[in-house]
């Protein structure tokens, strides 16, 4: 029998020092002596999405340390702690300790992306500082995006970035996203190909299928990677309206009087 977990509700306090999951503004306290599952049919049932495992993620306490385990067979989760610059992918069968206090977990099942936050009392971890070098090659693996490439990612991730709580986010079609920016669809698709090619060359998985072909779910993986890596954040949302306004004004000027 699966134990029942009742959310405390939005804005409701959780006992000090207790680990909890925040999903869609609801808080699920996690007693240290019980395991907590996340999935389609779990302690936290995020959605009835058939692409999502019935039991996908597991949270449990082991010797005073909280662990996150991927119980799935084909889905991965992106785990990040922005305050300390940490980002990792948790593949099927893998597990990791939650040592950052606040950890964001993002995963995609089919066309839908989900996000939740785990607040766990953990050992204090200090941010990693970067040492400056006067000369040398730029480290490979850090994507350098043009303004238009970043705009493309922001508009695809708009819904998940804009919401106040956390939860599911449908990915807009290329045609809808292009119209939102005021771009021709051909321009949008070309930019999407360029971004996916760039990330694929940097080793980001999910950008291409077998035989070098573009992956059918690459937009979902692109959003998952960009959000977990903080390539785009909520602060970037004004860029969408600014671009749409520029293109609308340009279109008006080009019309014959």
C-alpha atoms as a PDB file:
ATOM      1  CA  UNK A   1       0.000   0.000   0.000  1.00  0.00           C
ATOM      2  CA  UNK A   2       1.378   3.398  -0.997  1.00  0.00           C
ATOM      3  CA  UNK A   3       1.545   5.820   1.992  1.00  0.00           C
ATOM      4  CA  UNK A   4      -0.563   8.920   1.646  1.00  0.00           C
ATOM      5  CA  UNK A   5       1.098  12.316   1.682  1.00  0.00           C
ATOM      6  CA  UNK A   6      -1.044  15.379   2.114  1.00  0.00           C
ATOM      7  CA  UNK A   7       0.324  18.694   0.806  1.00  0.00           C
ATOM      8  CA  UNK A   8       0.295  21.575   3.258  1.00  0.00           C
ATOM      9  CA  UNK A   9      -0.979  23.970   0.591  1.00  0.00           C
ATOM     10  CA  UNK A  10       0.457  27.101  -0.945  1.00  0.00           C
ATOM     11  CA  UNK A  11       2.206  29.435   1.480  1.00  0.00           C
ATOM     12  CA  UNK A  12       1.671  27.108   4.462  1.00  0.00           C
ATOM     13  CA  UNK A  13       4.666  26.777   6.748  1.00  0.00           C
ATOM     14  CA  UNK A  14       6.574  23.533   7.154  1.00  0.00           C
ATOM     15  CA  UNK A  15       8.145  22.562  10.496  1.00  0.00           C
ATOM     16  CA  UNK A  16      11.679  24.003  10.734  1.00  0.00           C
ATOM     17  CA  UNK A  17      14.351  21.596   9.564  1.00  0.00           C
ATOM     18  CA  UNK A  18      11.928  19.290   7.748  1.00  0.00           C
ATOM     19  CA  UNK A  19      12.642  18.331   4.158  1.00  0.00           C
ATOM     20  CA  UNK A  20       9.811  19.008   1.721  1.00  0.00           C
ATOM     21  CA  UNK A  21       8.998  19.074  -1.989  1.00  0.00           C
ATOM     22  CA  UNK A  22       7.449  22.198  -3.542  1.00  0.00           C
ATOM     23  CA  UNK A  23       5.344  21.421  -6.598  1.00  0.00           C
ATOM     24  CA  UNK A  24       2.748  23.744  -8.148  1.00  0.00           C
ATOM     25  CA  UNK A  25       2.881  25.877  -5.004  1.00  0.00           C
ATOM     26  CA  UNK A  26       2.007  22.940  -2.742  1.00  0.00           C
ATOM     27  CA  UNK A  27       4.447  21.664  -0.145  1.00  0.00           C
ATOM     28  CA  UNK A  28       4.844  17.968   0.644  1.00  0.00           C
ATOM     29  CA  UNK A  29       6.695  17.407   3.973  1.00  0.00           C
ATOM     30  CA  UNK A  30       8.961  14.344   3.939  1.00  0.00           C
ATOM     31  CA  UNK A  31       9.435  12.466   7.229  1.00  0.00           C
ATOM     32  CA  UNK A  32      12.924  10.993   7.466  1.00  0.00           C
ATOM     33  CA  UNK A  33      11.663   7.468   8.129  1.00  0.00           C
ATOM     34  CA  UNK A  34       9.565   7.119   4.962  1.00  0.00           C
ATOM     35  CA  UNK A  35      10.339   6.995   1.260  1.00  0.00           C
ATOM     36  CA  UNK A  36       8.690   9.429  -1.146  1.00  0.00           C
ATOM     37  CA  UNK A  37       8.076   8.657  -4.810  1.00  0.00           C
ATOM     38  CA  UNK A  38       7.287  11.001  -7.705  1.00  0.00           C
ATOM     39  CA  UNK A  39       5.666   9.973 -10.972  1.00  0.00           C
ATOM     40  CA  UNK A  40       2.397   9.159 -12.670  1.00  0.00           C
ATOM     41  CA  UNK A  41       1.065   6.962  -9.857  1.00  0.00           C
ATOM     42  CA  UNK A  42       3.156   7.826  -6.808  1.00  0.00           C
ATOM     43  CA  UNK A  43       3.134   9.682  -3.502  1.00  0.00           C
ATOM     44  CA  UNK A  44       3.334  12.812  -5.632  1.00  0.00           C
ATOM     45  CA  UNK A  45       1.381  12.126  -8.821  1.00  0.00           C
ATOM     46  CA  UNK A  46       2.418  15.031 -11.021  1.00  0.00           C
ATOM     47  CA  UNK A  47       0.323  14.088 -14.063  1.00  0.00           C
ATOM     48  CA  UNK A  48      -1.445  11.223 -15.812  1.00  0.00           C
ATOM     49  CA  UNK A  49       0.982  11.656 -18.717  1.00  0.00           C
ATOM     50  CA  UNK A  50       1.429   8.170 -20.271  1.00  0.00           C
ATOM     51  CA  UNK A  51       5.043   9.025 -21.181  1.00  0.00           C
ATOM     52  CA  UNK A  52       5.894   9.430 -17.480  1.00  0.00           C
ATOM     53  CA  UNK A  53       6.919   6.436 -15.350  1.00  0.00           C
ATOM     54  CA  UNK A  54       4.474   5.399 -12.637  1.00  0.00           C
ATOM     55  CA  UNK A  55       7.346   5.679 -10.158  1.00  0.00           C
ATOM     56  CA  UNK A  56      10.022   7.914 -11.636  1.00  0.00           C
ATOM     57  CA  UNK A  57      11.938   9.579  -8.789  1.00  0.00           C
ATOM     58  CA  UNK A  58      12.559   8.490  -5.213  1.00  0.00           C
ATOM     59  CA  UNK A  59      13.531  10.641  -2.236  1.00  0.00           C
ATOM     60  CA  UNK A  60      14.775   8.903   0.890  1.00  0.00           C
ATOM     61  CA  UNK A  61      16.940   9.603   3.920  1.00  0.00           C
ATOM     62  CA  UNK A  62      20.004   7.465   4.518  1.00  0.00           C
ATOM     63  CA  UNK A  63      22.173   8.059   7.582  1.00  0.00           C
ATOM     64  CA  UNK A  64      20.973  11.642   7.890  1.00  0.00           C
ATOM     65  CA  UNK A  65      21.529  12.511   4.215  1.00  0.00           C
ATOM     66  CA  UNK A  66      18.764  12.872   1.636  1.00  0.00           C
ATOM     67  CA  UNK A  67      19.174  11.061  -1.691  1.00  0.00           C
ATOM     68  CA  UNK A  68      17.430  11.447  -5.043  1.00  0.00           C
ATOM     69  CA  UNK A  69      17.179   8.271  -7.134  1.00  0.00           C
ATOM     70  CA  UNK A  70      15.974   7.816 -10.720  1.00  0.00           C
ATOM     71  CA  UNK A  71      13.775   4.691 -10.726  1.00  0.00           C
ATOM     72  CA  UNK A  72      12.919   5.044 -14.414  1.00  0.00           C
ATOM     73  CA  UNK A  73      14.184   3.042 -17.348  1.00  0.00           C
ATOM     74  CA  UNK A  74      14.344   5.682 -20.110  1.00  0.00           C
ATOM     75  CA  UNK A  75      13.795   9.184 -18.660  1.00  0.00           C
ATOM     76  CA  UNK A  76      16.458  11.432 -17.165  1.00  0.00           C
ATOM     77  CA  UNK A  77      16.136  14.382 -14.786  1.00  0.00           C
ATOM     78  CA  UNK A  78      18.177  17.576 -14.748  1.00  0.00           C
ATOM     79  CA  UNK A  79      19.240  18.563 -11.239  1.00  0.00           C
ATOM     80  CA  UNK A  80      20.592  22.006 -10.426  1.00  0.00           C
ATOM     81  CA  UNK A  81      21.457  24.301  -7.544  1.00  0.00           C
ATOM     82  CA  UNK A  82      21.883  27.760  -9.017  1.00  0.00           C
ATOM     83  CA  UNK A  83      23.354  29.369  -5.891  1.00  0.00           C
ATOM     84  CA  UNK A  84      26.451  27.163  -6.070  1.00  0.00           C
ATOM     85  CA  UNK A  85      26.587  26.756  -9.843  1.00  0.00           C
ATOM     86  CA  UNK A  86      25.823  23.030  -9.794  1.00  0.00           C
ATOM     87  CA  UNK A  87      24.085  21.225 -12.660  1.00  0.00           C
ATOM     88  CA  UNK A  88      23.911  17.514 -13.464  1.00  0.00           C
ATOM     89  CA  UNK A  89      21.826  14.924 -15.293  1.00  0.00           C
ATOM     90  CA  UNK A  90      20.413  12.026 -13.284  1.00  0.00           C
ATOM     91  CA  UNK A  91      20.064   9.087 -15.653  1.00  0.00           C
ATOM     92  CA  UNK A  92      18.017   5.897 -15.217  1.00  0.00           C
ATOM     93  CA  UNK A  93      19.191   3.890 -12.203  1.00  0.00           C
ATOM     94  CA  UNK A  94      21.455   6.667 -10.898  1.00  0.00           C
ATOM     95  CA  UNK A  95      21.212   8.431  -7.560  1.00  0.00           C
ATOM     96  CA  UNK A  96      22.778  11.489  -5.957  1.00  0.00           C
ATOM     97  CA  UNK A  97      22.866  13.147  -2.521  1.00  0.00           C
ATOM     98  CA  UNK A  98      21.045  16.441  -2.020  1.00  0.00           C
ATOM     99  CA  UNK A  99      23.621  18.612  -0.283  1.00  0.00           C
ATOM    100  CA  UNK A 100      22.628  22.088  -1.460  1.00  0.00           C
ATOM    101  CA  UNK A 101      19.633  22.950   0.707  1.00  0.00           C
ATOM    102  CA  UNK A 102      17.521  23.984  -2.301  1.00  0.00           C
ATOM    103  CA  UNK A 103      17.633  21.757  -5.394  1.00  0.00           C
ATOM    104  CA  UNK A 104      15.650  22.222  -8.611  1.00  0.00           C
ATOM    105  CA  UNK A 105      14.630  19.099 -10.530  1.00  0.00           C
ATOM    106  CA  UNK A 106      13.428  19.381 -14.138  1.00  0.00           C
ATOM    107  CA  UNK A 107      12.332  16.467 -16.317  1.00  0.00           C
ATOM    108  CA  UNK A 108      10.513  15.957 -19.592  1.00  0.00           C
ATOM    109  CA  UNK A 109       8.048  13.207 -20.510  1.00  0.00           C
ATOM    110  CA  UNK A 110       6.698  13.321 -24.053  1.00  0.00           C
ATOM    111  CA  UNK A 111       5.893  16.937 -24.958  1.00  0.00           C
ATOM    112  CA  UNK A 112       5.623  18.121 -21.344  1.00  0.00           C
ATOM    113  CA  UNK A 113       8.272  19.518 -19.009  1.00  0.00           C
ATOM    114  CA  UNK A 114       7.911  19.451 -15.229  1.00  0.00           C
ATOM    115  CA  UNK A 115       9.754  21.242 -12.454  1.00  0.00           C
ATOM    116  CA  UNK A 116       9.837  20.798  -8.705  1.00  0.00           C
ATOM    117  CA  UNK A 117      12.060  22.028  -5.891  1.00  0.00           C
ATOM    118  CA  UNK A 118      13.386  19.971  -3.002  1.00  0.00           C
ATOM    119  CA  UNK A 119      14.225  21.811   0.205  1.00  0.00           C
ATOM    120  CA  UNK A 120      16.427  19.553   2.321  1.00  0.00           C
ATOM    121  CA  UNK A 121      18.485  20.284   5.397  1.00  0.00           C
ATOM    122  CA  UNK A 122      21.982  19.392   4.297  1.00  0.00           C
ATOM    123  CA  UNK A 123      25.663  20.068   4.957  1.00  0.00           C
ATOM    124  CA  UNK A 124      26.722  23.589   4.087  1.00  0.00           C
ATOM    125  CA  UNK A 125      28.179  23.775   0.587  1.00  0.00           C
ATOM    126  CA  UNK A 126      30.019  26.898  -0.511  1.00  0.00           C
ATOM    127  CA  UNK A 127      29.942  28.211  -4.082  1.00  0.00           C
ATOM    128  CA  UNK A 128      32.887  27.300  -6.250  1.00  0.00           C
ATOM    129  CA  UNK A 129      34.868  30.391  -7.174  1.00  0.00           C
ATOM    130  CA  UNK A 130      36.436  30.785 -10.576  1.00  0.00           C
ATOM    131  CA  UNK A 131      40.103  31.621 -10.962  1.00  0.00           C
ATOM    132  CA  UNK A 132      40.918  34.240 -13.584  1.00  0.00           C
ATOM    133  CA  UNK A 133      43.439  33.535 -16.301  1.00  0.00           C
ATOM    134  CA  UNK A 134      44.946  36.226 -18.501  1.00  0.00           C
ATOM    135  CA  UNK A 135      45.521  33.917 -21.465  1.00  0.00           C
ATOM    136  CA  UNK A 136      44.391  30.522 -22.679  1.00  0.00           C
ATOM    137  CA  UNK A 137      41.601  28.857 -24.612  1.00  0.00           C
ATOM    138  CA  UNK A 138      37.982  29.168 -23.575  1.00  0.00           C
ATOM    139  CA  UNK A 139      36.719  26.062 -21.806  1.00  0.00           C
ATOM    140  CA  UNK A 140      34.760  23.803 -24.137  1.00  0.00           C
ATOM    141  CA  UNK A 141      31.216  22.922 -23.105  1.00  0.00           C
ATOM    142  CA  UNK A 142      29.964  26.406 -22.227  1.00  0.00           C
ATOM    143  CA  UNK A 143      27.528  27.452 -24.977  1.00  0.00           C
ATOM    144  CA  UNK A 144      28.036  30.941 -26.387  1.00  0.00           C
ATOM    145  CA  UNK A 145      24.711  31.959 -27.896  1.00  0.00           C
ATOM    146  CA  UNK A 146      23.856  34.831 -30.175  1.00  0.00           C
ATOM    147  CA  UNK A 147      21.015  37.146 -29.172  1.00  0.00           C
ATOM    148  CA  UNK A 148      18.612  35.495 -31.620  1.00  0.00           C
ATOM    149  CA  UNK A 149      19.567  31.984 -30.463  1.00  0.00           C
ATOM    150  CA  UNK A 150      18.854  32.932 -26.862  1.00  0.00           C
ATOM    151  CA  UNK A 151      15.538  34.475 -27.901  1.00  0.00           C
ATOM    152  CA  UNK A 152      14.548  31.195 -29.511  1.00  0.00           C
ATOM    153  CA  UNK A 153      15.203  29.272 -26.290  1.00  0.00           C
ATOM    154  CA  UNK A 154      13.412  31.860 -24.142  1.00  0.00           C
ATOM    155  CA  UNK A 155      10.249  31.789 -26.251  1.00  0.00           C
ATOM    156  CA  UNK A 156      10.162  27.974 -26.214  1.00  0.00           C
ATOM    157  CA  UNK A 157      10.601  27.999 -22.426  1.00  0.00           C
ATOM    158  CA  UNK A 158       8.273  30.979 -21.844  1.00  0.00           C
ATOM    159  CA  UNK A 159       5.495  29.089 -20.090  1.00  0.00           C
ATOM    160  CA  UNK A 160       7.727  27.269 -17.634  1.00  0.00           C
ATOM    161  CA  UNK A 161       9.676  30.476 -16.897  1.00  0.00           C
ATOM    162  CA  UNK A 162       6.624  32.700 -16.538  1.00  0.00           C
ATOM    163  CA  UNK A 163       4.533  30.668 -14.120  1.00  0.00           C
ATOM    164  CA  UNK A 164       4.556  31.654 -10.469  1.00  0.00           C
ATOM    165  CA  UNK A 165       4.517  28.122  -9.097  1.00  0.00           C
ATOM    166  CA  UNK A 166       5.994  24.971 -10.504  1.00  0.00           C
ATOM    167  CA  UNK A 167       4.369  22.330 -12.613  1.00  0.00           C
ATOM    168  CA  UNK A 168       3.788  21.122 -16.128  1.00  0.00           C
ATOM    169  CA  UNK A 169       4.514  23.177 -19.178  1.00  0.00           C
ATOM    170  CA  UNK A 170       3.378  22.504 -22.738  1.00  0.00           C
ATOM    171  CA  UNK A 171       5.969  23.403 -25.361  1.00  0.00           C
ATOM    172  CA  UNK A 172       4.653  25.711 -28.094  1.00  0.00           C
ATOM    173  CA  UNK A 173       4.821  24.601 -31.704  1.00  0.00           C
ATOM    174  CA  UNK A 174       7.504  26.159 -33.873  1.00  0.00           C
ATOM    175  CA  UNK A 175       4.828  28.093 -35.758  1.00  0.00           C
ATOM    176  CA  UNK A 176       3.361  29.520 -32.546  1.00  0.00           C
ATOM    177  CA  UNK A 177       6.767  30.402 -31.123  1.00  0.00           C
ATOM    178  CA  UNK A 178       7.822  32.076 -34.375  1.00  0.00           C
ATOM    179  CA  UNK A 179       4.601  34.132 -34.429  1.00  0.00           C
ATOM    180  CA  UNK A 180       5.190  35.163 -30.808  1.00  0.00           C
ATOM    181  CA  UNK A 181       8.504  36.732 -31.816  1.00  0.00           C
ATOM    182  CA  UNK A 182       7.296  38.059 -35.145  1.00  0.00           C
ATOM    183  CA  UNK A 183       9.697  35.822 -37.072  1.00  0.00           C
ATOM    184  CA  UNK A 184       9.054  33.903 -40.290  1.00  0.00           C
ATOM    185  CA  UNK A 185       8.769  30.184 -39.591  1.00  0.00           C
ATOM    186  CA  UNK A 186      11.741  29.476 -41.868  1.00  0.00           C
ATOM    187  CA  UNK A 187      13.946  31.761 -39.759  1.00  0.00           C
ATOM    188  CA  UNK A 188      12.796  30.100 -36.544  1.00  0.00           C
ATOM    189  CA  UNK A 189      13.481  26.591 -37.825  1.00  0.00           C
ATOM    190  CA  UNK A 190      16.895  27.621 -39.116  1.00  0.00           C
ATOM    191  CA  UNK A 191      17.814  29.112 -35.726  1.00  0.00           C
ATOM    192  CA  UNK A 192      16.533  25.995 -33.962  1.00  0.00           C
ATOM    193  CA  UNK A 193      18.732  23.804 -36.150  1.00  0.00           C
ATOM    194  CA  UNK A 194      21.738  26.019 -35.390  1.00  0.00           C
ATOM    195  CA  UNK A 195      21.173  25.928 -31.620  1.00  0.00           C
ATOM    196  CA  UNK A 196      20.717  22.152 -31.571  1.00  0.00           C
ATOM    197  CA  UNK A 197      23.819  21.659 -33.718  1.00  0.00           C
ATOM    198  CA  UNK A 198      25.851  23.847 -31.366  1.00  0.00           C
ATOM    199  CA  UNK A 199      24.701  21.987 -28.246  1.00  0.00           C
ATOM    200  CA  UNK A 200      25.191  18.627 -29.911  1.00  0.00           C
ATOM    201  CA  UNK A 201      28.814  19.564 -30.668  1.00  0.00           C
ATOM    202  CA  UNK A 202      29.262  20.466 -26.996  1.00  0.00           C
ATOM    203  CA  UNK A 203      28.075  17.013 -25.960  1.00  0.00           C
ATOM    204  CA  UNK A 204      24.501  17.797 -24.875  1.00  0.00           C
ATOM    205  CA  UNK A 205      22.456  14.637 -25.349  1.00  0.00           C
ATOM    206  CA  UNK A 206      19.070  14.507 -27.049  1.00  0.00           C
ATOM    207  CA  UNK A 207      19.803  16.965 -29.843  1.00  0.00           C
ATOM    208  CA  UNK A 208      20.174  14.273 -32.481  1.00  0.00           C
ATOM    209  CA  UNK A 209      18.749  10.823 -33.049  1.00  0.00           C
ATOM    210  CA  UNK A 210      20.599   7.899 -34.599  1.00  0.00           C
ATOM    211  CA  UNK A 211      22.373   8.406 -37.895  1.00  0.00           C
ATOM    212  CA  UNK A 212      22.929  12.105 -37.230  1.00  0.00           C
ATOM    213  CA  UNK A 213      19.265  12.980 -37.761  1.00  0.00           C
ATOM    214  CA  UNK A 214      17.657  15.673 -35.665  1.00  0.00           C
ATOM    215  CA  UNK A 215      15.796  14.232 -32.668  1.00  0.00           C
ATOM    216  CA  UNK A 216      12.009  14.530 -32.718  1.00  0.00           C
ATOM    217  CA  UNK A 217      11.870  15.631 -29.068  1.00  0.00           C
ATOM    218  CA  UNK A 218      14.862  17.965 -29.245  1.00  0.00           C
ATOM    219  CA  UNK A 219      12.833  21.046 -28.213  1.00  0.00           C
ATOM    220  CA  UNK A 220      11.844  19.392 -24.919  1.00  0.00           C
ATOM    221  CA  UNK A 221      15.448  18.369 -24.224  1.00  0.00           C
ATOM    222  CA  UNK A 222      16.657  21.833 -25.229  1.00  0.00           C
ATOM    223  CA  UNK A 223      14.340  23.503 -22.701  1.00  0.00           C
ATOM    224  CA  UNK A 224      15.244  21.011 -19.985  1.00  0.00           C
ATOM    225  CA  UNK A 225      18.953  21.633 -20.505  1.00  0.00           C
ATOM    226  CA  UNK A 226      18.657  25.418 -20.801  1.00  0.00           C
ATOM    227  CA  UNK A 227      16.617  25.813 -17.614  1.00  0.00           C
ATOM    228  CA  UNK A 228      18.644  23.415 -15.484  1.00  0.00           C
ATOM    229  CA  UNK A 229      21.882  25.052 -16.700  1.00  0.00           C
ATOM    230  CA  UNK A 230      20.405  28.538 -16.185  1.00  0.00           C
ATOM    231  CA  UNK A 231      21.202  29.531 -19.763  1.00  0.00           C
ATOM    232  CA  UNK A 232      17.817  31.249 -19.623  1.00  0.00           C
ATOM    233  CA  UNK A 233      15.979  32.534 -16.550  1.00  0.00           C
ATOM    234  CA  UNK A 234      12.804  34.452 -15.765  1.00  0.00           C
ATOM    235  CA  UNK A 235      14.813  37.685 -16.064  1.00  0.00           C
ATOM    236  CA  UNK A 236      15.094  37.015 -19.812  1.00  0.00           C
ATOM    237  CA  UNK A 237      11.322  37.043 -20.438  1.00  0.00           C
ATOM    238  CA  UNK A 238      11.134  40.772 -21.374  1.00  0.00           C
ATOM    239  CA  UNK A 239      13.320  39.958 -24.402  1.00  0.00           C
ATOM    240  CA  UNK A 240      10.320  38.288 -26.052  1.00  0.00           C
ATOM    241  CA  UNK A 241       8.057  41.354 -26.020  1.00  0.00           C
ATOM    242  CA  UNK A 242      10.955  43.614 -26.995  1.00  0.00           C
ATOM    243  CA  UNK A 243      11.687  41.486 -30.062  1.00  0.00           C
ATOM    244  CA  UNK A 244       8.000  41.237 -30.973  1.00  0.00           C
ATOM    245  CA  UNK A 245       7.632  45.015 -30.702  1.00  0.00           C
ATOM    246  CA  UNK A 246      10.703  45.632 -32.884  1.00  0.00           C
ATOM    247  CA  UNK A 247       9.452  43.305 -35.584  1.00  0.00           C
ATOM    248  CA  UNK A 248       5.929  44.741 -35.466  1.00  0.00           C
ATOM    249  CA  UNK A 249       7.305  48.261 -35.867  1.00  0.00           C
ATOM    250  CA  UNK A 250       9.550  47.154 -38.722  1.00  0.00           C
ATOM    251  CA  UNK A 251       6.600  45.518 -40.442  1.00  0.00           C
ATOM    252  CA  UNK A 252       4.522  48.708 -40.185  1.00  0.00           C
ATOM    253  CA  UNK A 253       7.326  50.835 -41.656  1.00  0.00           C
ATOM    254  CA  UNK A 254       7.696  48.483 -44.604  1.00  0.00           C
ATOM    255  CA  UNK A 255       4.022  48.663 -45.549  1.00  0.00           C
ATOM    256  CA  UNK A 256       3.183  51.001 -48.414  1.00  0.00           C
ATOM    257  CA  UNK A 257       1.269  54.149 -47.505  1.00  0.00           C
END
